[in-house]
Amino acid sequence: MKSTGVTVSSRGIIVLPAKLRKEMKIEAGTRILLTREDDKIIMQPVASFTNKLAGLTKKSFGESAEDITQVINSERDDK
């Protein structure tokens, strides 16, 4: 396991190094699960349900995660 040092800002913000984000496919908006184990914090990217749904239903409701989100939102508005 490789270690990388980062600094926490006064607002608690941590910037992940670009190389790590690229390797882990972490983009803006990616959800991160934080797990505390004793004196350690484990960060793990969480796959978007909408992106998974877009793959499972490809071309059934749209071409992208945004298309799926629009369908879901329109269904919610109808109720």
N, C-alpha and C. Protein backbone atom coordinates (compact mmCIF):
# COMPACT_ATOMS: atom_id res chain seq x y z
N MET A 1 0.84 -1.17 0.00
CA MET A 1 0.00 0.00 0.00
C MET A 1 0.88 1.23 0.00
N LYS A 2 0.62 2.13 -0.94
CA LYS A 2 1.37 3.38 -1.02
C LYS A 2 0.76 4.41 -0.10
N SER A 3 1.60 5.25 0.49
CA SER A 3 1.12 6.34 1.33
C SER A 3 1.41 7.67 0.65
N THR A 4 0.47 8.60 0.79
CA THR A 4 0.62 9.94 0.24
C THR A 4 0.20 10.93 1.31
N GLY A 5 1.01 11.95 1.53
CA GLY A 5 0.67 12.98 2.50
C GLY A 5 -0.17 14.07 1.88
N VAL A 6 -1.21 14.49 2.60
CA VAL A 6 -2.04 15.62 2.20
C VAL A 6 -2.26 16.50 3.42
N THR A 7 -2.74 17.71 3.20
CA THR A 7 -2.99 18.65 4.28
C THR A 7 -4.48 18.93 4.38
N VAL A 8 -4.99 18.99 5.59
CA VAL A 8 -6.39 19.32 5.83
C VAL A 8 -6.50 20.83 6.02
N SER A 9 -7.43 21.45 5.28
CA SER A 9 -7.62 22.91 5.39
C SER A 9 -8.37 23.24 6.68
N SER A 10 -8.49 24.52 6.98
CA SER A 10 -9.21 24.96 8.18
C SER A 10 -10.69 24.58 8.13
N ARG A 11 -11.20 24.33 6.93
CA ARG A 11 -12.59 23.92 6.75
C ARG A 11 -12.74 22.40 6.66
N GLY A 12 -11.65 21.67 6.85
CA GLY A 12 -11.70 20.21 6.82
C GLY A 12 -11.61 19.62 5.43
N ILE A 13 -11.22 20.41 4.46
CA ILE A 13 -11.13 19.96 3.08
C ILE A 13 -9.79 19.28 2.84
N ILE A 14 -9.86 18.12 2.17
CA ILE A 14 -8.66 17.39 1.78
C ILE A 14 -8.64 17.34 0.25
N VAL A 15 -7.53 17.71 -0.35
CA VAL A 15 -7.39 17.63 -1.81
C VAL A 15 -6.61 16.36 -2.12
N LEU A 16 -7.23 15.48 -2.89
CA LEU A 16 -6.54 14.25 -3.29
C LEU A 16 -5.62 14.56 -4.47
N PRO A 17 -4.41 14.04 -4.45
CA PRO A 17 -3.49 14.28 -5.56
C PRO A 17 -4.07 13.80 -6.90
N ALA A 18 -3.79 14.55 -7.96
CA ALA A 18 -4.35 14.25 -9.28
C ALA A 18 -4.02 12.83 -9.73
N LYS A 19 -2.81 12.38 -9.48
CA LYS A 19 -2.42 11.02 -9.89
C LYS A 19 -3.31 9.98 -9.22
N LEU A 20 -3.58 10.14 -7.94
CA LEU A 20 -4.42 9.21 -7.20
C LEU A 20 -5.86 9.25 -7.72
N ARG A 21 -6.38 10.47 -7.97
CA ARG A 21 -7.74 10.59 -8.51
C ARG A 21 -7.86 9.89 -9.85
N LYS A 22 -6.84 10.05 -10.67
CA LYS A 22 -6.86 9.43 -12.00
C LYS A 22 -6.81 7.90 -11.89
N GLU A 23 -5.91 7.40 -11.05
CA GLU A 23 -5.77 5.95 -10.86
C GLU A 23 -7.05 5.33 -10.31
N MET A 24 -7.72 6.05 -9.40
CA MET A 24 -8.92 5.53 -8.75
C MET A 24 -10.21 5.92 -9.47
N LYS A 25 -10.07 6.66 -10.60
CA LYS A 25 -11.21 7.13 -11.39
C LYS A 25 -12.18 7.95 -10.54
N ILE A 26 -11.62 8.85 -9.74
CA ILE A 26 -12.41 9.74 -8.90
C ILE A 26 -12.53 11.08 -9.63
N GLU A 27 -13.77 11.47 -9.92
CA GLU A 27 -14.03 12.72 -10.62
C GLU A 27 -14.85 13.63 -9.72
N ALA A 28 -15.04 14.86 -10.14
CA ALA A 28 -15.88 15.79 -9.39
C ALA A 28 -17.26 15.16 -9.22
N GLY A 29 -17.76 15.19 -8.01
CA GLY A 29 -19.08 14.63 -7.73
C GLY A 29 -19.05 13.17 -7.27
N THR A 30 -17.89 12.52 -7.34
CA THR A 30 -17.79 11.14 -6.89
C THR A 30 -18.04 11.08 -5.38
N ARG A 31 -18.90 10.18 -4.96
CA ARG A 31 -19.18 10.00 -3.53
C ARG A 31 -18.07 9.15 -2.94
N ILE A 32 -17.65 9.50 -1.72
CA ILE A 32 -16.59 8.78 -1.02
C ILE A 32 -17.14 8.28 0.31
N LEU A 33 -16.95 7.00 0.59
CA LEU A 33 -17.34 6.41 1.86
C LEU A 33 -16.15 6.47 2.80
N LEU A 34 -16.35 7.06 3.98
CA LEU A 34 -15.30 7.13 4.99
C LEU A 34 -15.61 6.12 6.08
N THR A 35 -14.62 5.30 6.41
CA THR A 35 -14.76 4.31 7.47
C THR A 35 -13.65 4.54 8.49
N ARG A 36 -14.03 4.59 9.75
CA ARG A 36 -13.03 4.76 10.80
C ARG A 36 -12.74 3.40 11.43
N GLU A 37 -11.48 3.05 11.46
CA GLU A 37 -11.01 1.84 12.12
C GLU A 37 -9.93 2.24 13.12
N ASP A 38 -10.31 2.31 14.38
CA ASP A 38 -9.41 2.75 15.45
C ASP A 38 -8.85 4.13 15.10
N ASP A 39 -7.53 4.22 14.84
CA ASP A 39 -6.92 5.52 14.55
C ASP A 39 -6.70 5.73 13.05
N LYS A 40 -7.44 4.99 12.22
CA LYS A 40 -7.29 5.11 10.76
C LYS A 40 -8.61 5.55 10.14
N ILE A 41 -8.51 6.29 9.05
CA ILE A 41 -9.66 6.65 8.23
C ILE A 41 -9.45 6.04 6.86
N ILE A 42 -10.40 5.24 6.42
CA ILE A 42 -10.32 4.59 5.11
C ILE A 42 -11.31 5.29 4.19
N MET A 43 -10.81 5.74 3.04
CA MET A 43 -11.64 6.41 2.04
C MET A 43 -11.86 5.47 0.86
N GLN A 44 -13.12 5.31 0.46
CA GLN A 44 -13.43 4.38 -0.62
C GLN A 44 -14.46 5.01 -1.55
N PRO A 45 -14.15 5.10 -2.86
CA PRO A 45 -15.14 5.64 -3.80
C PRO A 45 -16.37 4.73 -3.85
N VAL A 46 -17.53 5.34 -3.97
CA VAL A 46 -18.78 4.60 -4.05
C VAL A 46 -19.36 4.82 -5.44
N ALA A 47 -19.63 3.74 -6.14
CA ALA A 47 -20.18 3.84 -7.49
C ALA A 47 -21.57 4.45 -7.44
N SER A 48 -21.86 5.30 -8.39
CA SER A 48 -23.16 5.94 -8.49
C SER A 48 -24.22 4.94 -8.93
N PHE A 49 -25.31 4.88 -8.17
CA PHE A 49 -26.41 3.99 -8.54
C PHE A 49 -26.98 4.40 -9.90
N THR A 50 -27.05 5.71 -10.14
CA THR A 50 -27.58 6.19 -11.41
C THR A 50 -26.71 5.73 -12.57
N ASN A 51 -25.37 5.78 -12.40
CA ASN A 51 -24.48 5.33 -13.46
C ASN A 51 -24.64 3.83 -13.70
N LYS A 52 -24.79 3.05 -12.62
CA LYS A 52 -25.00 1.62 -12.77
C LYS A 52 -26.32 1.36 -13.49
N LEU A 53 -27.36 2.08 -13.10
CA LEU A 53 -28.67 1.92 -13.72
C LEU A 53 -28.61 2.27 -15.20
N ALA A 54 -27.85 3.31 -15.53
CA ALA A 54 -27.71 3.70 -16.93
C ALA A 54 -27.09 2.57 -17.74
N GLY A 55 -26.14 1.86 -17.16
CA GLY A 55 -25.51 0.74 -17.85
C GLY A 55 -26.45 -0.45 -18.01
N LEU A 56 -27.23 -0.73 -16.96
CA LEU A 56 -28.15 -1.86 -17.00
C LEU A 56 -29.32 -1.65 -17.97
N THR A 57 -29.73 -0.41 -18.10
CA THR A 57 -30.90 -0.11 -18.92
C THR A 57 -30.53 0.68 -20.16
N LYS A 58 -29.31 0.50 -20.61
CA LYS A 58 -28.80 1.28 -21.73
C LYS A 58 -29.81 1.31 -22.87
N LYS A 59 -30.10 2.49 -23.31
CA LYS A 59 -31.01 2.79 -24.41
C LYS A 59 -32.47 2.50 -24.09
N SER A 60 -32.78 2.00 -22.89
CA SER A 60 -34.17 1.81 -22.49
C SER A 60 -34.78 3.13 -22.06
N PHE A 61 -34.00 3.92 -21.32
CA PHE A 61 -34.48 5.20 -20.81
C PHE A 61 -33.62 6.36 -21.25
N GLY A 62 -32.48 6.09 -21.85
CA GLY A 62 -31.61 7.16 -22.28
C GLY A 62 -30.19 6.66 -22.50
N GLU A 63 -29.33 7.56 -22.90
CA GLU A 63 -27.95 7.23 -23.23
C GLU A 63 -26.97 7.46 -22.10
N SER A 64 -27.35 8.26 -21.09
CA SER A 64 -26.39 8.66 -20.06
C SER A 64 -27.06 8.69 -18.69
N ALA A 65 -26.22 8.87 -17.68
CA ALA A 65 -26.74 8.99 -16.31
C ALA A 65 -27.67 10.20 -16.20
N GLU A 66 -27.37 11.26 -16.93
CA GLU A 66 -28.21 12.46 -16.89
C GLU A 66 -29.60 12.15 -17.46
N ASP A 67 -29.66 11.34 -18.54
CA ASP A 67 -30.94 10.96 -19.11
C ASP A 67 -31.77 10.17 -18.10
N ILE A 68 -31.12 9.24 -17.40
CA ILE A 68 -31.80 8.43 -16.38
C ILE A 68 -32.32 9.33 -15.26
N THR A 69 -31.51 10.29 -14.84
CA THR A 69 -31.91 11.21 -13.79
C THR A 69 -33.14 12.00 -14.21
N GLN A 70 -33.19 12.42 -15.47
CA GLN A 70 -34.35 13.17 -15.97
C GLN A 70 -35.61 12.30 -15.95
N VAL A 71 -35.48 11.03 -16.34
CA VAL A 71 -36.63 10.12 -16.32
C VAL A 71 -37.12 9.93 -14.89
N ILE A 72 -36.18 9.70 -13.97
CA ILE A 72 -36.55 9.51 -12.56
C ILE A 72 -37.23 10.76 -12.01
N ASN A 73 -36.67 11.92 -12.30
CA ASN A 73 -37.27 13.18 -11.81
C ASN A 73 -38.64 13.43 -12.39
N SER A 74 -38.84 13.10 -13.67
CA SER A 74 -40.16 13.31 -14.28
C SER A 74 -41.19 12.36 -13.67
N GLU A 75 -40.77 11.14 -13.33
CA GLU A 75 -41.66 10.19 -12.67
C GLU A 75 -42.01 10.70 -11.27
N ARG A 76 -41.06 11.26 -10.57
CA ARG A 76 -41.33 11.82 -9.24
C ARG A 76 -42.30 12.99 -9.33
N ASP A 77 -42.13 13.83 -10.37
CA ASP A 77 -43.02 14.99 -10.53
C ASP A 77 -44.45 14.57 -10.82
N ASP A 78 -44.63 13.43 -11.48
CA ASP A 78 -45.97 12.95 -11.82
C ASP A 78 -46.74 12.46 -10.59
N LYS A 79 -46.03 12.16 -9.52
CA LYS A 79 -46.71 11.61 -8.32
C LYS A 79 -47.16 12.69 -7.39
